[in-house]
Amino acid sequence: MSTLQVELVAADRKVWEGEADMVIARTVDGELGILPGHTPLLGVLVEGEVRIKSGEGSQTASIDGGFLSVDRDKVIIVAEAVDASNFTA
């Protein structure tokens, strides 16, 4: 099964990078679920949670809004501030 390559980036540092089966985030247009094979996308994120799901479970980060880019199974989330204190490496 194909996976997503995900980068979670705050304004001052890369917070997390890894593989995922699904990424869920809230944009100005509503909640969005990204799976492998998703069409290219650039979205504006609102303040809230980003959920990253993989075979090991689900991890959640709080963000203060930002941008989400999807292209060729790579998801990049850039936010001004990210709280991913519960993330594992």
C-alpha atoms as a PDB file:
ATOM      1  CA  MET A   1       0.000   0.000   0.000  1.00  0.00           C
ATOM      2  CA  SER A   2       1.202   3.482  -0.844  1.00  0.00           C
ATOM      3  CA  THR A   3       1.912   6.011   1.896  1.00  0.00           C
ATOM      4  CA  LEU A   4       2.259   9.759   2.226  1.00  0.00           C
ATOM      5  CA  GLN A   5       5.517  11.526   3.036  1.00  0.00           C
ATOM      6  CA  VAL A   6       4.592  14.225   5.555  1.00  0.00           C
ATOM      7  CA  GLU A   7       6.479  17.273   6.832  1.00  0.00           C
ATOM      8  CA  LEU A   8       5.110  19.390   9.682  1.00  0.00           C
ATOM      9  CA  VAL A   9       6.934  22.716   9.786  1.00  0.00           C
ATOM     10  CA  ALA A  10       6.682  25.668  12.190  1.00  0.00           C
ATOM     11  CA  ALA A  11       7.971  29.121  11.279  1.00  0.00           C
ATOM     12  CA  ASP A  12      11.276  28.458  13.052  1.00  0.00           C
ATOM     13  CA  ARG A  13      11.881  24.706  12.638  1.00  0.00           C
ATOM     14  CA  LYS A  14      10.842  21.368  11.168  1.00  0.00           C
ATOM     15  CA  VAL A  15       8.679  19.796  13.865  1.00  0.00           C
ATOM     16  CA  TRP A  16       8.138  16.311  12.439  1.00  0.00           C
ATOM     17  CA  GLU A  17       8.758  14.283   9.303  1.00  0.00           C
ATOM     18  CA  GLY A  18       7.581  10.775   8.522  1.00  0.00           C
ATOM     19  CA  GLU A  19       5.199   8.468   6.680  1.00  0.00           C
ATOM     20  CA  ALA A  20       1.442   8.398   7.064  1.00  0.00           C
ATOM     21  CA  ASP A  21      -1.583   6.627   5.646  1.00  0.00           C
ATOM     22  CA  MET A  22      -3.819   9.699   6.014  1.00  0.00           C
ATOM     23  CA  VAL A  23      -3.626  13.372   6.995  1.00  0.00           C
ATOM     24  CA  ILE A  24      -6.690  15.262   8.231  1.00  0.00           C
ATOM     25  CA  ALA A  25      -6.690  19.056   8.519  1.00  0.00           C
ATOM     26  CA  ARG A  26      -9.219  21.887   8.596  1.00  0.00           C
ATOM     27  CA  THR A  27      -9.002  24.462   5.810  1.00  0.00           C
ATOM     28  CA  VAL A  28     -10.986  27.634   5.215  1.00  0.00           C
ATOM     29  CA  ASP A  29     -13.259  25.456   3.028  1.00  0.00           C
ATOM     30  CA  GLY A  30     -13.802  22.747   5.667  1.00  0.00           C
ATOM     31  CA  GLU A  31     -12.152  19.553   6.897  1.00  0.00           C
ATOM     32  CA  LEU A  32      -9.957  17.760   4.391  1.00  0.00           C
ATOM     33  CA  GLY A  33      -8.744  14.162   4.379  1.00  0.00           C
ATOM     34  CA  ILE A  34      -5.617  13.430   2.322  1.00  0.00           C
ATOM     35  CA  LEU A  35      -4.909   9.864   1.185  1.00  0.00           C
ATOM     36  CA  PRO A  36      -2.162   8.544  -1.118  1.00  0.00           C
ATOM     37  CA  GLY A  37      -2.921   9.457  -4.730  1.00  0.00           C
ATOM     38  CA  HIS A  38      -4.690  12.726  -3.818  1.00  0.00           C
ATOM     39  CA  THR A  39      -4.731  15.361  -6.532  1.00  0.00           C
ATOM     40  CA  PRO A  40      -2.278  18.266  -6.132  1.00  0.00           C
ATOM     41  CA  LEU A  41      -3.618  20.875  -3.728  1.00  0.00           C
ATOM     42  CA  LEU A  42      -2.660  24.078  -1.969  1.00  0.00           C
ATOM     43  CA  GLY A  43      -4.916  24.952   0.961  1.00  0.00           C
ATOM     44  CA  VAL A  44      -5.150  27.624   3.638  1.00  0.00           C
ATOM     45  CA  LEU A  45      -5.387  26.085   7.109  1.00  0.00           C
ATOM     46  CA  VAL A  46      -7.345  27.555   9.996  1.00  0.00           C
ATOM     47  CA  GLU A  47      -6.431  27.302  13.673  1.00  0.00           C
ATOM     48  CA  GLY A  48      -7.098  23.800  14.946  1.00  0.00           C
ATOM     49  CA  GLU A  49      -5.740  20.278  14.875  1.00  0.00           C
ATOM     50  CA  VAL A  50      -3.894  18.303  12.232  1.00  0.00           C
ATOM     51  CA  ARG A  51      -4.241  14.523  12.581  1.00  0.00           C
ATOM     52  CA  ILE A  52      -1.655  12.216  11.051  1.00  0.00           C
ATOM     53  CA  LYS A  53      -2.673   8.554  10.883  1.00  0.00           C
ATOM     54  CA  SER A  54      -0.375   5.616  10.216  1.00  0.00           C
ATOM     55  CA  GLY A  55      -0.137   1.913  10.986  1.00  0.00           C
ATOM     56  CA  GLU A  56       1.265   2.824  14.412  1.00  0.00           C
ATOM     57  CA  GLY A  57      -1.807   4.900  15.304  1.00  0.00           C
ATOM     58  CA  SER A  58      -2.776   8.547  15.179  1.00  0.00           C
ATOM     59  CA  GLN A  59      -0.895  11.681  16.249  1.00  0.00           C
ATOM     60  CA  THR A  60      -2.397  15.137  16.665  1.00  0.00           C
ATOM     61  CA  ALA A  61      -0.759  18.559  16.502  1.00  0.00           C
ATOM     62  CA  SER A  62      -2.343  21.927  17.245  1.00  0.00           C
ATOM     63  CA  ILE A  63      -1.591  24.673  14.739  1.00  0.00           C
ATOM     64  CA  ASP A  64      -2.294  28.402  14.519  1.00  0.00           C
ATOM     65  CA  GLY A  65      -3.314  28.276  10.867  1.00  0.00           C
ATOM     66  CA  GLY A  66      -1.003  28.125   7.881  1.00  0.00           C
ATOM     67  CA  PHE A  67      -0.767  26.333   4.554  1.00  0.00           C
ATOM     68  CA  LEU A  68      -1.005  22.755   3.316  1.00  0.00           C
ATOM     69  CA  SER A  69       0.577  21.537   0.095  1.00  0.00           C
ATOM     70  CA  VAL A  70      -0.085  18.144  -1.516  1.00  0.00           C
ATOM     71  CA  ASP A  71       1.856  16.901  -4.540  1.00  0.00           C
ATOM     72  CA  ARG A  72       2.812  13.351  -5.590  1.00  0.00           C
ATOM     73  CA  ASP A  73       2.046  11.779  -2.184  1.00  0.00           C
ATOM     74  CA  LYS A  74       4.032  14.446  -0.331  1.00  0.00           C
ATOM     75  CA  VAL A  75       2.176  16.600   2.206  1.00  0.00           C
ATOM     76  CA  ILE A  76       3.829  19.710   3.628  1.00  0.00           C
ATOM     77  CA  ILE A  77       2.108  21.595   6.436  1.00  0.00           C
ATOM     78  CA  VAL A  78       3.548  25.011   7.304  1.00  0.00           C
ATOM     79  CA  ALA A  79       2.195  26.916  10.311  1.00  0.00           C
ATOM     80  CA  GLU A  80       3.244  29.958  12.314  1.00  0.00           C
ATOM     81  CA  ALA A  81       3.120  27.919  15.535  1.00  0.00           C
ATOM     82  CA  VAL A  82       2.846  24.159  16.078  1.00  0.00           C
ATOM     83  CA  ASP A  83       2.288  22.252  19.316  1.00  0.00           C
ATOM     84  CA  ALA A  84       3.245  18.647  18.632  1.00  0.00           C
ATOM     85  CA  SER A  85       4.372  17.806  22.160  1.00  0.00           C
ATOM     86  CA  ASN A  86       2.680  14.396  22.021  1.00  0.00           C
ATOM     87  CA  PHE A  87       4.335  13.361  18.737  1.00  0.00           C
ATOM     88  CA  THR A  88       6.752  10.450  18.687  1.00  0.00           C
ATOM     89  CA  ALA A  89       9.751  10.286  16.389  1.00  0.00           C
END
